């Protein structure tokens, strides 16, 4: 588990999150992802109902509008972006700041 936390801390630092409090940020991000229900349908490495976060990261690599587009998808919900008829529910209660952190974290999950 410590290796996972170190990897997440490195990813957070590379994504612009402060490395001074990286362990606290890893815990906060894990809590946010869990609380938002993301892990009900997604995992970091494997497709569940929705795509793996690593697959999302790979699909949007190099897309300068990825953060904004994914923020909109998470905020409003989406369907059909992954050749599936299963809809991702909207998450309107997330603040813009939390939504941006969550999407940035997802995009940092490299295969």
PDB file of N, CA and C in Angstrom:
ATOM      1  N   UNK A   1       0.815  -1.189   0.000  1.00  0.00           N
ATOM      2  CA  UNK A   1       0.000   0.000   0.000  1.00  0.00           C
ATOM      3  C   UNK A   1       0.863   1.258   0.000  1.00  0.00           C
ATOM      4  N   UNK A   2       2.016   1.224   0.671  1.00  0.00           N
ATOM      5  CA  UNK A   2       2.879   2.398   0.698  1.00  0.00           C
ATOM      6  C   UNK A   2       3.390   2.746  -0.691  1.00  0.00           C
ATOM      7  N   UNK A   3       3.680   1.734  -1.507  1.00  0.00           N
ATOM      8  CA  UNK A   3       4.139   1.988  -2.870  1.00  0.00           C
ATOM      9  C   UNK A   3       3.047   2.703  -3.646  1.00  0.00           C
ATOM     10  N   UNK A   4       1.786   2.269  -3.464  1.00  0.00           N
ATOM     11  CA  UNK A   4       0.660   2.925  -4.127  1.00  0.00           C
ATOM     12  C   UNK A   4       0.579   4.388  -3.716  1.00  0.00           C
ATOM     13  N   UNK A   5       0.725   4.671  -2.431  1.00  0.00           N
ATOM     14  CA  UNK A   5       0.675   6.050  -1.951  1.00  0.00           C
ATOM     15  C   UNK A   5       1.828   6.878  -2.515  1.00  0.00           C
ATOM     16  N   UNK A   6       3.017   6.288  -2.610  1.00  0.00           N
ATOM     17  CA  UNK A   6       4.147   7.008  -3.191  1.00  0.00           C
ATOM     18  C   UNK A   6       3.905   7.301  -4.667  1.00  0.00           C
ATOM     19  N   UNK A   7       3.356   6.323  -5.386  1.00  0.00           N
ATOM     20  CA  UNK A   7       3.043   6.525  -6.792  1.00  0.00           C
ATOM     21  C   UNK A   7       1.999   7.625  -6.942  1.00  0.00           C
ATOM     22  N   UNK A   8       0.952   7.574  -6.131  1.00  0.00           N
ATOM     23  CA  UNK A   8      -0.084   8.609  -6.192  1.00  0.00           C
ATOM     24  C   UNK A   8       0.484   9.973  -5.832  1.00  0.00           C
ATOM     25  N   UNK A   9       1.363  10.031  -4.840  1.00  0.00           N
ATOM     26  CA  UNK A   9       1.988  11.300  -4.460  1.00  0.00           C
ATOM     27  C   UNK A   9       2.803  11.853  -5.617  1.00  0.00           C
ATOM     28  N   UNK A  10       3.516  10.976  -6.319  1.00  0.00           N
ATOM     29  CA  UNK A  10       4.297  11.412  -7.479  1.00  0.00           C
ATOM     30  C   UNK A  10       3.386  11.932  -8.579  1.00  0.00           C
ATOM     31  N   UNK A  11       2.286  11.224  -8.817  1.00  0.00           N
ATOM     32  CA  UNK A  11       1.337  11.664  -9.844  1.00  0.00           C
ATOM     33  C   UNK A  11       0.706  12.992  -9.474  1.00  0.00           C
ATOM     34  N   UNK A  12       0.371  13.158  -8.207  1.00  0.00           N
ATOM     35  CA  UNK A  12      -0.205  14.427  -7.769  1.00  0.00           C
ATOM     36  C   UNK A  12       0.793  15.560  -7.940  1.00  0.00           C
ATOM     37  N   UNK A  13       2.033  15.321  -7.565  1.00  0.00           N
ATOM     38  CA  UNK A  13       3.065  16.351  -7.715  1.00  0.00           C
ATOM     39  C   UNK A  13       3.246  16.704  -9.183  1.00  0.00           C
ATOM     40  N   UNK A  14       3.247  15.699 -10.050  1.00  0.00           N
ATOM     41  CA  UNK A  14       3.394  15.943 -11.486  1.00  0.00           C
ATOM     42  C   UNK A  14       2.191  16.676 -12.057  1.00  0.00           C
ATOM     43  N   UNK A  15       1.049  16.556 -11.382  1.00  0.00           N
ATOM     44  CA  UNK A  15      -0.171  17.220 -11.841  1.00  0.00           C
ATOM     45  C   UNK A  15      -0.318  18.614 -11.261  1.00  0.00           C
ATOM     46  N   UNK A  16       0.695  19.062 -10.511  1.00  0.00           N
ATOM     47  CA  UNK A  16       0.646  20.411  -9.975  1.00  0.00           C
ATOM     48  C   UNK A  16       0.203  20.499  -8.528  1.00  0.00           C
ATOM     49  N   UNK A  17      -0.070  19.369  -7.909  1.00  0.00           N
ATOM     50  CA  UNK A  17      -0.425  19.388  -6.500  1.00  0.00           C
ATOM     51  C   UNK A  17       0.844  19.510  -5.674  1.00  0.00           C
ATOM     52  N   UNK A  18       0.767  20.155  -4.542  1.00  0.00           N
ATOM     53  CA  UNK A  18       1.924  20.378  -3.681  1.00  0.00           C
ATOM     54  C   UNK A  18       2.519  19.058  -3.217  1.00  0.00           C
ATOM     55  N   UNK A  19       3.827  18.902  -3.372  1.00  0.00           N
ATOM     56  CA  UNK A  19       4.470  17.675  -2.907  1.00  0.00           C
ATOM     57  C   UNK A  19       4.761  17.735  -1.414  1.00  0.00           C
ATOM     58  N   UNK A  20       4.663  18.930  -0.809  1.00  0.00           N
ATOM     59  CA  UNK A  20       4.922  19.066   0.624  1.00  0.00           C
ATOM     60  C   UNK A  20       3.913  18.267   1.435  1.00  0.00           C
ATOM     61  N   UNK A  21       2.684  18.298   1.002  1.00  0.00           N
ATOM     62  CA  UNK A  21       1.626  17.585   1.717  1.00  0.00           C
ATOM     63  C   UNK A  21       1.042  16.481   0.842  1.00  0.00           C
ATOM     64  N   UNK A  22       1.885  15.841   0.056  1.00  0.00           N
ATOM     65  CA  UNK A  22       1.423  14.852  -0.916  1.00  0.00           C
ATOM     66  C   UNK A  22       0.666  13.706  -0.261  1.00  0.00           C
ATOM     67  N   UNK A  23       1.124  13.209   0.877  1.00  0.00           N
ATOM     68  CA  UNK A  23       0.433  12.097   1.535  1.00  0.00           C
ATOM     69  C   UNK A  23      -0.966  12.506   1.948  1.00  0.00           C
ATOM     70  N   UNK A  24      -1.114  13.728   2.471  1.00  0.00           N
ATOM     71  CA  UNK A  24      -2.433  14.230   2.840  1.00  0.00           C
ATOM     72  C   UNK A  24      -3.315  14.380   1.599  1.00  0.00           C
ATOM     73  N   UNK A  25      -2.714  14.815   0.488  1.00  0.00           N
ATOM     74  CA  UNK A  25      -3.469  14.993  -0.749  1.00  0.00           C
ATOM     75  C   UNK A  25      -3.899  13.654  -1.326  1.00  0.00           C
ATOM     76  N   UNK A  26      -3.051  12.632  -1.217  1.00  0.00           N
ATOM     77  CA  UNK A  26      -3.409  11.294  -1.674  1.00  0.00           C
ATOM     78  C   UNK A  26      -4.611  10.804  -0.888  1.00  0.00           C
ATOM     79  N   UNK A  27      -4.573  10.970   0.429  1.00  0.00           N
ATOM     80  CA  UNK A  27      -5.689  10.554   1.275  1.00  0.00           C
ATOM     81  C   UNK A  27      -6.939  11.343   0.920  1.00  0.00           C
ATOM     82  N   UNK A  28      -6.813  12.645   0.740  1.00  0.00           N
ATOM     83  CA  UNK A  28      -7.963  13.482   0.398  1.00  0.00           C
ATOM     84  C   UNK A  28      -8.552  13.071  -0.952  1.00  0.00           C
ATOM     85  N   UNK A  29      -7.693  12.801  -1.938  1.00  0.00           N
ATOM     86  CA  UNK A  29      -8.185  12.391  -3.251  1.00  0.00           C
ATOM     87  C   UNK A  29      -8.868  11.025  -3.165  1.00  0.00           C
ATOM     88  N   UNK A  30      -8.290  10.099  -2.423  1.00  0.00           N
ATOM     89  CA  UNK A  30      -8.917   8.788  -2.249  1.00  0.00           C
ATOM     90  C   UNK A  30     -10.289   8.938  -1.605  1.00  0.00           C
ATOM     91  N   UNK A  31     -10.367   9.780  -0.595  1.00  0.00           N
ATOM     92  CA  UNK A  31     -11.645  10.023   0.075  1.00  0.00           C
ATOM     93  C   UNK A  31     -12.653  10.658  -0.876  1.00  0.00           C
ATOM     94  N   UNK A  32     -12.198  11.630  -1.692  1.00  0.00           N
ATOM     95  CA  UNK A  32     -13.098  12.305  -2.625  1.00  0.00           C
ATOM     96  C   UNK A  32     -13.618  11.337  -3.681  1.00  0.00           C
ATOM     97  N   UNK A  33     -12.726  10.510  -4.225  1.00  0.00           N
ATOM     98  CA  UNK A  33     -13.131   9.555  -5.253  1.00  0.00           C
ATOM     99  C   UNK A  33     -14.130   8.565  -4.677  1.00  0.00           C
ATOM    100  N   UNK A  34     -13.863   8.088  -3.465  1.00  0.00           N
ATOM    101  CA  UNK A  34     -14.791   7.161  -2.818  1.00  0.00           C
ATOM    102  C   UNK A  34     -16.132   7.838  -2.534  1.00  0.00           C
ATOM    103  N   UNK A  35     -16.090   9.028  -1.959  1.00  0.00           N
ATOM    104  CA  UNK A  35     -17.312   9.740  -1.576  1.00  0.00           C
ATOM    105  C   UNK A  35     -18.170  10.093  -2.783  1.00  0.00           C
ATOM    106  N   UNK A  36     -17.540  10.365  -3.901  1.00  0.00           N
ATOM    107  CA  UNK A  36     -18.303  10.730  -5.096  1.00  0.00           C
ATOM    108  C   UNK A  36     -18.924   9.516  -5.770  1.00  0.00           C
ATOM    109  N   UNK A  37     -18.534   8.321  -5.344  1.00  0.00           N
ATOM    110  CA  UNK A  37     -19.090   7.096  -5.901  1.00  0.00           C
ATOM    111  C   UNK A  37     -18.387   6.598  -7.146  1.00  0.00           C
ATOM    112  N   UNK A  38     -17.261   7.211  -7.506  1.00  0.00           N
ATOM    113  CA  UNK A  38     -16.547   6.832  -8.737  1.00  0.00           C
ATOM    114  C   UNK A  38     -16.177   5.355  -8.749  1.00  0.00           C
ATOM    115  N   UNK A  39     -15.734   4.836  -7.597  1.00  0.00           N
ATOM    116  CA  UNK A  39     -15.283   3.448  -7.551  1.00  0.00           C
ATOM    117  C   UNK A  39     -16.438   2.447  -7.620  1.00  0.00           C
ATOM    118  N   UNK A  40     -17.674   2.927  -7.640  1.00  0.00           N
ATOM    119  CA  UNK A  40     -18.804   2.023  -7.853  1.00  0.00           C
ATOM    120  C   UNK A  40     -18.809   1.499  -9.285  1.00  0.00           C
ATOM    121  N   UNK A  41     -18.318   2.321 -10.214  1.00  0.00           N
ATOM    122  CA  UNK A  41     -18.349   1.952 -11.633  1.00  0.00           C
ATOM    123  C   UNK A  41     -16.980   1.925 -12.303  1.00  0.00           C
ATOM    124  N   UNK A  42     -15.972   2.478 -11.661  1.00  0.00           N
ATOM    125  CA  UNK A  42     -14.635   2.583 -12.245  1.00  0.00           C
ATOM    126  C   UNK A  42     -13.591   2.015 -11.291  1.00  0.00           C
ATOM    127  N   UNK A  43     -12.472   1.614 -11.851  1.00  0.00           N
ATOM    128  CA  UNK A  43     -11.284   1.308 -11.062  1.00  0.00           C
ATOM    129  C   UNK A  43     -10.119   1.991 -11.770  1.00  0.00           C
ATOM    130  N   UNK A  44      -8.980   1.991 -11.154  1.00  0.00           N
ATOM    131  CA  UNK A  44      -7.816   2.620 -11.772  1.00  0.00           C
ATOM    132  C   UNK A  44      -7.354   1.812 -12.975  1.00  0.00           C
ATOM    133  N   UNK A  45      -7.357   0.493 -12.862  1.00  0.00           N
ATOM    134  CA  UNK A  45      -6.738  -0.341 -13.901  1.00  0.00           C
ATOM    135  C   UNK A  45      -7.698  -1.211 -14.712  1.00  0.00           C
ATOM    136  N   UNK A  46      -8.881  -1.487 -14.213  1.00  0.00           N
ATOM    137  CA  UNK A  46      -9.791  -2.433 -14.875  1.00  0.00           C
ATOM    138  C   UNK A  46     -11.139  -1.794 -15.183  1.00  0.00           C
ATOM    139  N   UNK A  47     -11.716  -2.160 -16.328  1.00  0.00           N
ATOM    140  CA  UNK A  47     -13.072  -1.738 -16.664  1.00  0.00           C
ATOM    141  C   UNK A  47     -14.037  -2.453 -15.725  1.00  0.00           C
ATOM    142  N   UNK A  48     -14.954  -1.701 -15.170  1.00  0.00           N
ATOM    143  CA  UNK A  48     -16.020  -2.304 -14.363  1.00  0.00           C
ATOM    144  C   UNK A  48     -17.303  -2.053 -15.167  1.00  0.00           C
ATOM    145  N   UNK A  49     -18.088  -1.069 -14.771  1.00  0.00           N
ATOM    146  CA  UNK A  49     -19.222  -0.631 -15.586  1.00  0.00           C
ATOM    147  C   UNK A  49     -18.713   0.420 -16.566  1.00  0.00           C
ATOM    148  N   UNK A  50     -17.920   1.336 -16.047  1.00  0.00           N
ATOM    149  CA  UNK A  50     -17.289   2.361 -16.876  1.00  0.00           C
ATOM    150  C   UNK A  50     -15.836   2.014 -17.109  1.00  0.00           C
ATOM    151  N   UNK A  51     -15.181   2.797 -17.929  1.00  0.00           N
ATOM    152  CA  UNK A  51     -13.778   2.507 -18.257  1.00  0.00           C
ATOM    153  C   UNK A  51     -12.849   2.692 -17.059  1.00  0.00           C
ATOM    154  N   UNK A  52     -11.709   2.006 -17.113  1.00  0.00           N
ATOM    155  CA  UNK A  52     -10.661   2.201 -16.107  1.00  0.00           C
ATOM    156  C   UNK A  52     -10.140   3.624 -16.221  1.00  0.00           C
ATOM    157  N   UNK A  53      -9.737   4.204 -15.107  1.00  0.00           N
ATOM    158  CA  UNK A  53      -9.195   5.561 -15.131  1.00  0.00           C
ATOM    159  C   UNK A  53      -7.956   5.643 -16.023  1.00  0.00           C
ATOM    160  N   UNK A  54      -7.168   4.576 -16.063  1.00  0.00           N
ATOM    161  CA  UNK A  54      -5.998   4.572 -16.947  1.00  0.00           C
ATOM    162  C   UNK A  54      -6.424   4.645 -18.410  1.00  0.00           C
ATOM    163  N   UNK A  55      -7.537   4.027 -18.764  1.00  0.00           N
ATOM    164  CA  UNK A  55      -8.050   4.094 -20.130  1.00  0.00           C
ATOM    165  C   UNK A  55      -8.540   5.495 -20.462  1.00  0.00           C
ATOM    166  N   UNK A  56      -9.182   6.141 -19.495  1.00  0.00           N
ATOM    167  CA  UNK A  56      -9.633   7.523 -19.687  1.00  0.00           C
ATOM    168  C   UNK A  56      -8.426   8.418 -19.921  1.00  0.00           C
ATOM    169  N   UNK A  57      -7.398   8.242 -19.093  1.00  0.00           N
ATOM    170  CA  UNK A  57      -6.178   9.025 -19.222  1.00  0.00           C
ATOM    171  C   UNK A  57      -5.547   8.829 -20.604  1.00  0.00           C
ATOM    172  N   UNK A  58      -5.482   7.586 -21.065  1.00  0.00           N
ATOM    173  CA  UNK A  58      -4.885   7.297 -22.375  1.00  0.00           C
ATOM    174  C   UNK A  58      -5.712   7.902 -23.508  1.00  0.00           C
ATOM    175  N   UNK A  59      -7.029   7.817 -23.403  1.00  0.00           N
ATOM    176  CA  UNK A  59      -7.903   8.336 -24.457  1.00  0.00           C
ATOM    177  C   UNK A  59      -7.746   9.850 -24.615  1.00  0.00           C
ATOM    178  N   UNK A  60      -7.555  10.557 -23.504  1.00  0.00           N
ATOM    179  CA  UNK A  60      -7.503  12.017 -23.538  1.00  0.00           C
ATOM    180  C   UNK A  60      -6.082  12.578 -23.507  1.00  0.00           C
ATOM    181  N   UNK A  61      -5.085  11.701 -23.585  1.00  0.00           N
ATOM    182  CA  UNK A  61      -3.687  12.166 -23.593  1.00  0.00           C
ATOM    183  C   UNK A  61      -3.474  13.123 -24.767  1.00  0.00           C
ATOM    184  N   UNK A  62      -2.885  14.262 -24.481  1.00  0.00           N
ATOM    185  CA  UNK A  62      -2.601  15.241 -25.521  1.00  0.00           C
ATOM    186  C   UNK A  62      -3.773  16.132 -25.890  1.00  0.00           C
ATOM    187  N   UNK A  63      -4.939  15.905 -25.308  1.00  0.00           N
ATOM    188  CA  UNK A  63      -6.119  16.728 -25.590  1.00  0.00           C
ATOM    189  C   UNK A  63      -6.086  17.943 -24.669  1.00  0.00           C
ATOM    190  N   UNK A  64      -5.868  19.113 -25.238  1.00  0.00           N
ATOM    191  CA  UNK A  64      -5.743  20.327 -24.419  1.00  0.00           C
ATOM    192  C   UNK A  64      -7.051  20.690 -23.727  1.00  0.00           C
ATOM    193  N   UNK A  65      -8.168  20.165 -24.202  1.00  0.00           N
ATOM    194  CA  UNK A  65      -9.468  20.465 -23.610  1.00  0.00           C
ATOM    195  C   UNK A  65      -9.966  19.334 -22.711  1.00  0.00           C
ATOM    196  N   UNK A  66      -9.114  18.376 -22.417  1.00  0.00           N
ATOM    197  CA  UNK A  66      -9.535  17.191 -21.671  1.00  0.00           C
ATOM    198  C   UNK A  66     -10.127  17.541 -20.317  1.00  0.00           C
ATOM    199  N   UNK A  67      -9.485  18.403 -19.559  1.00  0.00           N
ATOM    200  CA  UNK A  67      -9.988  18.721 -18.215  1.00  0.00           C
ATOM    201  C   UNK A  67     -11.379  19.329 -18.315  1.00  0.00           C
ATOM    202  N   UNK A  68     -11.548  20.314 -19.164  1.00  0.00           N
ATOM    203  CA  UNK A  68     -12.852  20.978 -19.302  1.00  0.00           C
ATOM    204  C   UNK A  68     -13.923  20.001 -19.794  1.00  0.00           C
ATOM    205  N   UNK A  69     -13.582  19.188 -20.790  1.00  0.00           N
ATOM    206  CA  UNK A  69     -14.551  18.244 -21.336  1.00  0.00           C
ATOM    207  C   UNK A  69     -14.954  17.186 -20.310  1.00  0.00           C
ATOM    208  N   UNK A  70     -13.977  16.662 -19.586  1.00  0.00           N
ATOM    209  CA  UNK A  70     -14.292  15.651 -18.579  1.00  0.00           C
ATOM    210  C   UNK A  70     -15.034  16.256 -17.388  1.00  0.00           C
ATOM    211  N   UNK A  71     -14.698  17.489 -17.035  1.00  0.00           N
ATOM    212  CA  UNK A  71     -15.451  18.163 -15.964  1.00  0.00           C
ATOM    213  C   UNK A  71     -16.922  18.256 -16.351  1.00  0.00           C
ATOM    214  N   UNK A  72     -17.196  18.610 -17.590  1.00  0.00           N
ATOM    215  CA  UNK A  72     -18.572  18.716 -18.070  1.00  0.00           C
ATOM    216  C   UNK A  72     -19.259  17.346 -18.047  1.00  0.00           C
ATOM    217  N   UNK A  73     -18.552  16.301 -18.485  1.00  0.00           N
ATOM    218  CA  UNK A  73     -19.123  14.950 -18.494  1.00  0.00           C
ATOM    219  C   UNK A  73     -19.455  14.470 -17.085  1.00  0.00           C
ATOM    220  N   UNK A  74     -18.547  14.718 -16.141  1.00  0.00           N
ATOM    221  CA  UNK A  74     -18.785  14.283 -14.771  1.00  0.00           C
ATOM    222  C   UNK A  74     -19.902  15.116 -14.142  1.00  0.00           C
ATOM    223  N   UNK A  75     -19.877  16.411 -14.359  1.00  0.00           N
ATOM    224  CA  UNK A  75     -20.894  17.304 -13.785  1.00  0.00           C
ATOM    225  C   UNK A  75     -22.295  16.949 -14.289  1.00  0.00           C
ATOM    226  N   UNK A  76     -22.420  16.764 -15.614  1.00  0.00           N
ATOM    227  CA  UNK A  76     -23.740  16.583 -16.232  1.00  0.00           C
ATOM    228  C   UNK A  76     -24.109  15.131 -16.511  1.00  0.00           C
ATOM    229  N   UNK A  77     -23.136  14.230 -16.359  1.00  0.00           N
ATOM    230  CA  UNK A  77     -23.364  12.846 -16.740  1.00  0.00           C
ATOM    231  C   UNK A  77     -23.109  12.689 -18.229  1.00  0.00           C
ATOM    232  N   UNK A  78     -22.974  11.465 -18.684  1.00  0.00           N
ATOM    233  CA  UNK A  78     -22.743  11.231 -20.115  1.00  0.00           C
ATOM    234  C   UNK A  78     -23.139   9.808 -20.474  1.00  0.00           C
ATOM    235  N   UNK A  79     -23.274   9.588 -21.763  1.00  0.00           N
ATOM    236  CA  UNK A  79     -23.564   8.247 -22.269  1.00  0.00           C
ATOM    237  C   UNK A  79     -22.998   8.138 -23.675  1.00  0.00           C
ATOM    238  N   UNK A  80     -22.469   6.962 -24.015  1.00  0.00           N
ATOM    239  CA  UNK A  80     -22.033   6.686 -25.375  1.00  0.00           C
ATOM    240  C   UNK A  80     -20.602   7.048 -25.716  1.00  0.00           C
ATOM    241  N   UNK A  81     -19.843   7.634 -24.814  1.00  0.00           N
ATOM    242  CA  UNK A  81     -18.465   7.999 -25.127  1.00  0.00           C
ATOM    243  C   UNK A  81     -17.544   6.783 -25.175  1.00  0.00           C
ATOM    244  N   UNK A  82     -17.994   5.679 -24.607  1.00  0.00           N
ATOM    245  CA  UNK A  82     -17.179   4.468 -24.542  1.00  0.00           C
ATOM    246  C   UNK A  82     -17.907   3.286 -25.173  1.00  0.00           C
ATOM    247  N   UNK A  83     -18.695   3.567 -26.198  1.00  0.00           N
ATOM    248  CA  UNK A  83     -19.451   2.521 -26.910  1.00  0.00           C
ATOM    249  C   UNK A  83     -20.323   1.712 -25.962  1.00  0.00           C
ATOM    250  N   UNK A  84     -20.908   2.384 -25.027  1.00  0.00           N
ATOM    251  CA  UNK A  84     -21.771   1.725 -24.062  1.00  0.00           C
ATOM    252  C   UNK A  84     -23.073   2.507 -23.958  1.00  0.00           C
ATOM    253  N   UNK A  85     -24.122   1.790 -23.672  1.00  0.00           N
ATOM    254  CA  UNK A  85     -25.409   2.446 -23.497  1.00  0.00           C
ATOM    255  C   UNK A  85     -25.667   2.757 -22.023  1.00  0.00           C
ATOM    256  N   UNK A  86     -24.737   2.386 -21.180  1.00  0.00           N
ATOM    257  CA  UNK A  86     -24.879   2.649 -19.749  1.00  0.00           C
ATOM    258  C   UNK A  86     -24.453   4.085 -19.486  1.00  0.00           C
ATOM    259  N   UNK A  87     -25.331   4.840 -18.876  1.00  0.00           N
ATOM    260  CA  UNK A  87     -25.060   6.258 -18.616  1.00  0.00           C
ATOM    261  C   UNK A  87     -24.253   6.438 -17.336  1.00  0.00           C
ATOM    262  N   UNK A  88     -23.326   7.385 -17.383  1.00  0.00           N
ATOM    263  CA  UNK A  88     -22.660   7.814 -16.157  1.00  0.00           C
ATOM    264  C   UNK A  88     -23.574   8.870 -15.538  1.00  0.00           C
ATOM    265  N   UNK A  89     -23.958   8.690 -14.280  1.00  0.00           N
ATOM    266  CA  UNK A  89     -24.851   9.672 -13.666  1.00  0.00           C
ATOM    267  C   UNK A  89     -24.151  11.017 -13.460  1.00  0.00           C
ATOM    268  N   UNK A  90     -24.959  12.056 -13.403  1.00  0.00           N
ATOM    269  CA  UNK A  90     -24.445  13.401 -13.147  1.00  0.00           C
ATOM    270  C   UNK A  90     -23.992  13.513 -11.694  1.00  0.00           C
ATOM    271  N   UNK A  91     -23.017  14.387 -11.472  1.00  0.00           N
ATOM    272  CA  UNK A  91     -22.508  14.663 -10.133  1.00  0.00           C
ATOM    273  C   UNK A  91     -22.558  16.174  -9.893  1.00  0.00           C
ATOM    274  N   UNK A  92     -23.770  16.744  -9.827  1.00  0.00           N
ATOM    275  CA  UNK A  92     -23.910  18.199  -9.723  1.00  0.00           C
ATOM    276  C   UNK A  92     -23.487  18.777  -8.378  1.00  0.00           C
ATOM    277  N   UNK A  93     -23.348  17.941  -7.367  1.00  0.00           N
ATOM    278  CA  UNK A  93     -23.021  18.468  -6.041  1.00  0.00           C
ATOM    279  C   UNK A  93     -21.532  18.728  -5.830  1.00  0.00           C
ATOM    280  N   UNK A  94     -20.680  18.258  -6.747  1.00  0.00           N
ATOM    281  CA  UNK A  94     -19.239  18.516  -6.612  1.00  0.00           C
ATOM    282  C   UNK A  94     -18.941  19.976  -6.928  1.00  0.00           C
ATOM    283  N   UNK A  95     -18.137  20.602  -6.087  1.00  0.00           N
ATOM    284  CA  UNK A  95     -17.727  21.977  -6.366  1.00  0.00           C
ATOM    285  C   UNK A  95     -16.820  21.978  -7.598  1.00  0.00           C
ATOM    286  N   UNK A  96     -16.705  23.117  -8.260  1.00  0.00           N
ATOM    287  CA  UNK A  96     -15.813  23.206  -9.426  1.00  0.00           C
ATOM    288  C   UNK A  96     -14.383  22.857  -9.053  1.00  0.00           C
ATOM    289  N   UNK A  97     -13.940  23.297  -7.870  1.00  0.00           N
ATOM    290  CA  UNK A  97     -12.578  23.005  -7.417  1.00  0.00           C
ATOM    291  C   UNK A  97     -12.385  21.499  -7.227  1.00  0.00           C
ATOM    292  N   UNK A  98     -13.327  20.849  -6.535  1.00  0.00           N
ATOM    293  CA  UNK A  98     -13.223  19.403  -6.327  1.00  0.00           C
ATOM    294  C   UNK A  98     -13.331  18.645  -7.646  1.00  0.00           C
ATOM    295  N   UNK A  99     -14.207  19.099  -8.523  1.00  0.00           N
ATOM    296  CA  UNK A  99     -14.371  18.454  -9.815  1.00  0.00           C
ATOM    297  C   UNK A  99     -13.084  18.530 -10.627  1.00  0.00           C
ATOM    298  N   UNK A 100     -12.440  19.685 -10.615  1.00  0.00           N
ATOM    299  CA  UNK A 100     -11.186  19.841 -11.357  1.00  0.00           C
ATOM    300  C   UNK A 100     -10.093  18.949 -10.767  1.00  0.00           C
ATOM    301  N   UNK A 101     -10.012  18.877  -9.436  1.00  0.00           N
ATOM    302  CA  UNK A 101      -9.025  18.000  -8.795  1.00  0.00           C
ATOM    303  C   UNK A 101      -9.273  16.543  -9.162  1.00  0.00           C
ATOM    304  N   UNK A 102     -10.540  16.142  -9.142  1.00  0.00           N
ATOM    305  CA  UNK A 102     -10.883  14.757  -9.438  1.00  0.00           C
ATOM    306  C   UNK A 102     -10.520  14.407 -10.880  1.00  0.00           C
ATOM    307  N   UNK A 103     -10.886  15.262 -11.820  1.00  0.00           N
ATOM    308  CA  UNK A 103     -10.592  15.018 -13.230  1.00  0.00           C
ATOM    309  C   UNK A 103      -9.082  15.024 -13.480  1.00  0.00           C
ATOM    310  N   UNK A 104      -8.375  15.950 -12.852  1.00  0.00           N
ATOM    311  CA  UNK A 104      -6.914  16.006 -12.998  1.00  0.00           C
ATOM    312  C   UNK A 104      -6.287  14.726 -12.457  1.00  0.00           C
ATOM    313  N   UNK A 105      -6.816  14.237 -11.351  1.00  0.00           N
ATOM    314  CA  UNK A 105      -6.325  12.977 -10.775  1.00  0.00           C
ATOM    315  C   UNK A 105      -6.569  11.822 -11.738  1.00  0.00           C
ATOM    316  N   UNK A 106      -7.777  11.735 -12.310  1.00  0.00           N
ATOM    317  CA  UNK A 106      -8.084  10.677 -13.262  1.00  0.00           C
ATOM    318  C   UNK A 106      -7.110  10.726 -14.442  1.00  0.00           C
ATOM    319  N   UNK A 107      -6.879  11.921 -14.968  1.00  0.00           N
ATOM    320  CA  UNK A 107      -5.990  12.060 -16.122  1.00  0.00           C
ATOM    321  C   UNK A 107      -4.525  11.733 -15.788  1.00  0.00           C
ATOM    322  N   UNK A 108      -4.178  11.757 -14.515  1.00  0.00           N
ATOM    323  CA  UNK A 108      -2.819  11.419 -14.095  1.00  0.00           C
ATOM    324  C   UNK A 108      -2.611   9.915 -13.929  1.00  0.00           C
ATOM    325  N   UNK A 109      -3.659   9.124 -14.070  1.00  0.00           N
ATOM    326  CA  UNK A 109      -3.558   7.670 -13.902  1.00  0.00           C
ATOM    327  C   UNK A 109      -3.051   7.033 -15.180  1.00  0.00           C
ATOM    328  N   UNK A 110      -1.761   7.017 -15.357  1.00  0.00           N
ATOM    329  CA  UNK A 110      -1.114   6.504 -16.574  1.00  0.00           C
ATOM    330  C   UNK A 110      -0.978   4.984 -16.513  1.00  0.00           C
ATOM    331  N   UNK A 111      -1.197   4.323 -17.660  1.00  0.00           N
ATOM    332  CA  UNK A 111      -1.004   2.854 -17.707  1.00  0.00           C
ATOM    333  C   UNK A 111       0.459   2.489 -17.539  1.00  0.00           C
TER     334      UNK A 111
END
